Structure formats: structure tokens, C-alpha cells
Amino acid sequence: MMANDRISVIIPVYNCERYVEEAVRSVIGQTLKPCEIIVVDDGSTDKSADIVKRFGEKVSYFYQPNGGAAKARNVGVTKASGDFLAFLDSDDVWVPDKLAGQLDVFERNPSVDMVFGHAQNFHSPELTVEMKAKIQGPMQAMPGRVAGALLIKRSSFLRVGFFEESLRVGEFIDWYFKAKEKNLKGVLLDKVLLQRRLHGSNMGVRDKSLRVDYARILKAALDRKRKNVDGANE
């Protein structure tokens, strides 16, 4: 197994005792080992902390009062020491060669800022047939322009800035819009790197009212574009 002293992996967790162990193990099991795995506990009240701490020195654990995934990821970034950043939600899993395949792109093309892979949904094994029918999502592999499918240079991430902590959902979409506005150079690998779990407690399922954040994100992106156009015409 190869080791790498350049990649920091950040996992935010909130009341995910059922799945967080599998998420962490999918990082530990990478063919290219990261230099560190940082788990930021976003105020969990279940046994998530106990489960993460069982990994001992393999994982750096940090706690914060509940503030949302964006804030937890931002804390992870401030704690990270690697030249590259990767993010994984605590209910999802990576394929074993996710990091190796992405780092290879950077080594062959140093001008690249970020590398994505494809993502594929799967129904969590504990779901009944009835529950699976209620929790729908595309099951085919799709381009994964999501946090869990990303590997990015730390310097490139900081050029864009931290995740918007006022957003409870969609913070990565907001960040990605800003990354495109900064003209970050990205590559999309034609391979599934992220397996996204569908289950009864997914954020979008728990609280559909939070989807209003998506409208805010789109409006903010349009406002920035309009401002840039107006500024260029002055």
C-alpha cells in the first residue's frame, strides 16, 4: 500500500452512528493512504463520537456545537496540513482507488486545480422494499460534482474561499459556482469514485423546507454575474 503525505481527508458527522464507521473505513482502505483523516463532529447526540474515537490515532477527532456541514468542513480545512483536500460525508463511501486515481491526474498535469469523479447512489441495505420505494434517486452513475467526489489543491480551494456557513444545504453548489467564477481548472474522471447512500435520514429527506437555500444560491450566483458584467462595462 502506498502512503501519501499530501492529502487531508475531512469528514463532517452529525448523528450518523449507523454509517460513519463504514465511511471512515473506506478512507482507511484507500490504496493511496492520506496523511490524515479529520472528523469534525457537528454536535452529535448519538454514539458517533464513540465510534470515531475507536479508530484511535488513525483519525483526528474534533467537536463543535451544531452549526451545519459547511461550518464543520471549514473547521476541517483549518485543521488540515495537506497540500490537497478531500471531503466525504459520513454516510457515503469511496471506492478503494479514489485518491490514487485523482492524484495521478495532478501528477500528470500540474496545472489542474481540482479533480472530480462520477458518483452513484445506492439504497442502504437496512431499508425495506417499501422504504426504498419512497426514497427515490437516479441509480445510474452520474458526473459527481459534489464534495465527496472531489480532490482539490489546498491553494486552489482557498482561492475560492470557505463554504458559506449560512447555508444548511447546497453549500457545495454555492462553492462550486464560485470556483467556476474563479476559473479553476477541473477534470472529471469517467469512473465511479463515490457511492452515495440513500436512507431515511438524508438531509433533503429530513427537511424539505431547507431547499429554499437552493434558490438563494442561484440568486447569489446570478447577482455576482450581473455585478461582474456591469463592472466590465463601466
Protein backbone atom coordinates (compact mmCIF):
# COMPACT_ATOMS: atom_id res chain seq x y z
CA MET A 1 0.00 0.00 0.00
CA MET A 2 1.26 3.47 -0.91
CA ALA A 3 1.29 6.29 1.62
CA ASN A 4 0.92 9.98 0.83
CA ASP A 5 1.88 12.93 2.98
CA ARG A 6 -0.03 15.47 0.90
CA ILE A 7 -3.75 14.60 1.17
CA SER A 8 -6.02 15.60 4.07
CA VAL A 9 -9.46 13.99 4.25
CA ILE A 10 -12.25 15.84 6.06
CA ILE A 11 -15.42 14.09 7.24
CA PRO A 12 -18.20 16.09 8.94
CA VAL A 13 -20.51 13.96 11.07
CA TYR A 14 -23.83 14.68 12.72
CA ASN A 15 -25.79 11.87 14.42
CA CYS A 16 -24.58 9.27 11.96
CA GLU A 17 -23.69 6.39 14.29
CA ARG A 18 -25.11 3.84 11.86
CA TYR A 19 -22.88 4.75 8.91
CA VAL A 20 -19.83 6.74 10.00
CA GLU A 21 -17.67 3.67 10.66
CA GLU A 22 -18.13 2.45 7.09
CA ALA A 23 -17.30 5.92 5.76
CA VAL A 24 -14.06 6.12 7.75
CA ARG A 25 -13.08 2.58 6.78
CA SER A 26 -13.49 3.45 3.11
CA VAL A 27 -10.83 6.14 3.62
CA ILE A 28 -8.51 3.94 5.69
CA GLY A 29 -8.84 1.29 2.98
CA GLN A 30 -7.63 3.54 0.16
CA THR A 31 -4.82 2.14 -1.99
CA LEU A 32 -3.19 5.55 -1.57
CA LYS A 33 -3.26 6.47 2.09
CA PRO A 34 -3.93 10.12 3.04
CA CYS A 35 -1.68 11.87 5.51
CA GLU A 36 -4.59 12.46 7.86
CA ILE A 37 -8.30 11.80 8.37
CA ILE A 38 -10.07 14.63 10.15
CA VAL A 39 -13.55 14.02 11.56
CA VAL A 40 -15.44 17.10 12.72
CA ASP A 41 -18.38 16.23 14.96
CA ASP A 42 -21.13 18.79 14.39
CA GLY A 43 -22.73 18.43 17.82
CA SER A 44 -23.84 14.81 17.58
CA THR A 45 -26.03 13.49 20.39
CA ASP A 46 -25.80 9.81 19.44
CA LYS A 47 -22.79 7.46 19.59
CA SER A 48 -20.99 8.93 16.57
CA ALA A 49 -18.15 10.28 18.72
CA ASP A 50 -17.57 6.95 20.46
CA ILE A 51 -17.45 5.12 17.13
CA VAL A 52 -14.99 7.56 15.59
CA LYS A 53 -12.72 7.57 18.64
CA ARG A 54 -12.36 3.77 18.40
CA PHE A 55 -10.10 4.33 15.40
CA GLY A 56 -7.54 5.87 17.74
CA GLU A 57 -4.58 7.63 16.14
CA LYS A 58 -5.82 6.82 12.63
CA VAL A 59 -8.36 9.63 12.95
CA SER A 60 -8.14 13.17 14.33
CA TYR A 61 -11.43 13.96 16.07
CA PHE A 62 -12.76 17.48 16.69
CA TYR A 63 -16.06 18.59 18.22
CA GLN A 64 -18.10 21.72 17.58
CA PRO A 65 -21.60 22.76 18.67
CA ASN A 66 -24.11 22.08 15.92
CA GLY A 67 -23.54 24.61 13.14
CA GLY A 68 -24.08 22.67 9.93
CA ALA A 69 -21.97 20.73 7.46
CA ALA A 70 -20.46 23.86 5.91
CA LYS A 71 -19.05 25.03 9.22
CA ALA A 72 -17.79 21.52 10.04
CA ARG A 73 -15.99 21.28 6.70
CA ASN A 74 -14.48 24.73 7.23
CA VAL A 75 -13.16 23.69 10.63
CA GLY A 76 -11.65 20.64 9.00
CA VAL A 77 -9.90 22.78 6.41
CA THR A 78 -8.36 24.96 9.13
CA LYS A 79 -7.05 21.82 10.87
CA ALA A 80 -5.71 20.21 7.69
CA SER A 81 -2.00 20.10 6.92
CA GLY A 82 -2.04 18.51 3.45
CA ASP A 83 -1.44 20.14 0.09
CA PHE A 84 -4.65 18.52 -1.18
CA LEU A 85 -8.12 18.40 0.37
CA ALA A 86 -10.78 15.71 0.03
CA PHE A 87 -14.22 15.64 1.63
CA LEU A 88 -16.53 12.74 2.47
CA ASP A 89 -19.98 12.79 4.05
CA SER A 90 -20.29 10.43 6.99
CA ASP A 91 -22.99 8.32 5.33
CA ASP A 92 -21.20 7.82 1.99
CA VAL A 93 -18.24 5.67 0.94
CA TRP A 94 -15.34 5.87 -1.51
CA VAL A 95 -14.15 3.18 -3.92
CA PRO A 96 -10.69 1.91 -2.86
CA ASP A 97 -8.63 3.69 -5.56
CA LYS A 98 -10.43 7.05 -5.39
CA LEU A 99 -7.48 9.08 -4.14
CA ALA A 100 -4.87 7.25 -6.21
CA GLY A 101 -6.71 7.86 -9.46
CA GLN A 102 -7.25 11.53 -8.74
CA LEU A 103 -3.72 12.29 -7.56
CA ASP A 104 -2.40 10.67 -10.73
CA VAL A 105 -4.18 13.39 -12.73
CA PHE A 106 -2.40 16.12 -10.77
CA GLU A 107 0.96 14.43 -11.20
CA ARG A 108 0.46 14.23 -14.98
CA ASN A 109 -0.96 17.74 -15.28
CA PRO A 110 0.21 20.14 -12.54
CA SER A 111 -1.93 23.00 -13.90
CA VAL A 112 -5.15 21.24 -12.81
CA ASP A 113 -6.85 22.72 -9.73
CA MET A 114 -9.44 20.06 -8.92
CA VAL A 115 -10.43 16.55 -9.99
CA PHE A 116 -13.92 15.07 -9.76
CA GLY A 117 -15.17 11.55 -10.42
CA HIS A 118 -18.55 10.01 -11.08
CA ALA A 119 -20.96 9.24 -8.23
CA GLN A 120 -23.58 6.53 -7.90
CA ASN A 121 -26.47 6.28 -5.48
CA PHE A 122 -27.28 3.11 -3.59
CA HIS A 123 -30.05 2.19 -1.18
CA SER A 124 -28.78 1.49 2.31
CA PRO A 125 -29.05 -2.28 2.99
CA GLU A 126 -31.26 -1.89 6.07
CA LEU A 127 -34.10 -0.27 4.08
CA THR A 128 -37.23 -2.32 3.46
CA VAL A 129 -38.71 -2.62 -0.01
CA GLU A 130 -41.38 -0.10 0.99
CA MET A 131 -38.80 2.38 2.25
CA LYS A 132 -36.74 2.03 -0.92
CA ALA A 133 -39.81 2.85 -2.98
CA LYS A 134 -40.30 6.08 -1.01
CA ILE A 135 -36.67 7.19 -1.23
CA GLN A 136 -36.06 7.59 -4.92
CA GLY A 137 -32.97 8.76 -6.76
CA PRO A 138 -31.20 8.05 -10.04
CA MET A 139 -29.28 4.81 -9.70
CA GLN A 140 -27.03 5.15 -12.75
CA ALA A 141 -23.55 6.63 -12.47
CA MET A 142 -23.55 10.39 -12.92
CA PRO A 143 -20.90 13.14 -13.04
CA GLY A 144 -20.15 13.78 -9.38
CA ARG A 145 -19.66 17.49 -8.97
CA VAL A 146 -20.21 17.08 -5.26
CA ALA A 147 -17.89 17.40 -2.27
CA GLY A 148 -17.42 13.66 -1.83
CA ALA A 149 -16.16 13.16 -5.38
CA LEU A 150 -13.58 15.97 -5.24
CA LEU A 151 -9.85 16.17 -4.71
CA ILE A 152 -8.53 19.73 -4.82
CA LYS A 153 -5.30 21.58 -4.22
CA ARG A 154 -5.50 23.36 -0.89
CA SER A 155 -4.23 26.57 -2.50
CA SER A 156 -6.97 26.38 -5.14
CA PHE A 157 -9.65 25.81 -2.53
CA LEU A 158 -8.51 28.87 -0.61
CA ARG A 159 -8.58 30.97 -3.80
CA VAL A 160 -12.32 30.34 -3.87
CA GLY A 161 -12.82 30.64 -0.12
CA PHE A 162 -14.55 28.67 2.61
CA PHE A 163 -18.02 27.16 2.42
CA GLU A 164 -20.91 29.53 3.13
CA GLU A 165 -21.93 28.69 6.71
CA SER A 166 -25.35 30.35 6.48
CA LEU A 167 -26.48 27.57 4.13
CA ARG A 168 -27.82 24.38 5.68
CA VAL A 169 -27.92 22.55 2.34
CA GLY A 170 -26.38 23.28 -1.01
CA GLU A 171 -23.19 24.80 0.38
CA PHE A 172 -21.10 22.85 -2.11
CA ILE A 173 -23.19 24.00 -5.06
CA ASP A 174 -22.63 27.56 -3.89
CA TRP A 175 -18.89 26.94 -3.57
CA TYR A 176 -18.71 25.27 -7.00
CA PHE A 177 -20.38 28.26 -8.67
CA LYS A 178 -17.72 30.47 -7.09
CA ALA A 179 -14.97 28.10 -8.23
CA LYS A 180 -16.19 28.38 -11.82
CA GLU A 181 -16.24 32.17 -11.48
CA LYS A 182 -12.59 32.00 -10.37
CA ASN A 183 -11.83 29.90 -13.49
CA LEU A 184 -10.48 26.93 -11.57
CA LYS A 185 -9.34 24.21 -13.95
CA GLY A 186 -11.17 20.96 -13.31
CA VAL A 187 -11.03 17.40 -14.64
CA LEU A 188 -13.84 14.85 -14.47
CA LEU A 189 -12.77 11.20 -14.39
CA ASP A 190 -15.05 8.77 -16.20
CA LYS A 191 -15.20 6.40 -13.27
CA VAL A 192 -17.36 5.99 -10.17
CA LEU A 193 -15.33 7.19 -7.18
CA LEU A 194 -18.15 7.96 -4.73
CA GLN A 195 -21.05 5.81 -3.61
CA ARG A 196 -23.84 7.95 -2.16
CA ARG A 197 -26.11 6.30 0.36
CA LEU A 198 -29.89 6.81 0.16
CA HIS A 199 -31.53 6.37 3.56
CA GLY A 200 -34.32 7.77 5.67
CA SER A 201 -32.27 10.48 7.32
CA ASN A 202 -30.71 12.16 4.29
CA MET A 203 -30.75 15.94 4.85
CA GLY A 204 -33.00 16.58 1.86
CA VAL A 205 -35.43 13.92 3.06
CA ARG A 206 -35.45 15.14 6.68
CA ASP A 207 -36.28 18.72 5.96
CA LYS A 208 -37.51 19.63 2.51
CA SER A 209 -38.05 23.22 3.66
CA LEU A 210 -34.26 23.66 3.62
CA ARG A 211 -34.39 23.50 -0.17
CA VAL A 212 -35.14 27.22 -0.16
CA ASP A 213 -31.38 27.57 0.20
CA TYR A 214 -31.00 26.42 -3.40
CA ALA A 215 -32.99 29.43 -4.59
CA ARG A 216 -30.73 31.70 -2.52
CA ILE A 217 -27.64 30.10 -4.06
CA LEU A 218 -28.87 30.59 -7.61
CA LYS A 219 -29.87 34.19 -6.95
CA ALA A 220 -26.50 34.97 -5.37
CA ALA A 221 -24.66 33.47 -8.36
CA LEU A 222 -26.76 35.50 -10.79
CA ASP A 223 -26.20 38.67 -8.76
CA ARG A 224 -22.41 38.14 -8.85
CA LYS A 225 -22.50 37.53 -12.58
CA ARG A 226 -24.56 40.66 -13.16
CA LYS A 227 -22.19 42.70 -10.98
CA ASN A 228 -19.16 41.42 -12.89
CA VAL A 229 -20.78 42.25 -16.23
CA ASP A 230 -21.74 45.72 -15.06
CA GLY A 231 -18.23 46.29 -13.72
CA ALA A 232 -16.65 45.21 -17.00
CA ASN A 233 -18.87 47.65 -18.92
CA GLU A 234 -18.02 50.66 -16.79
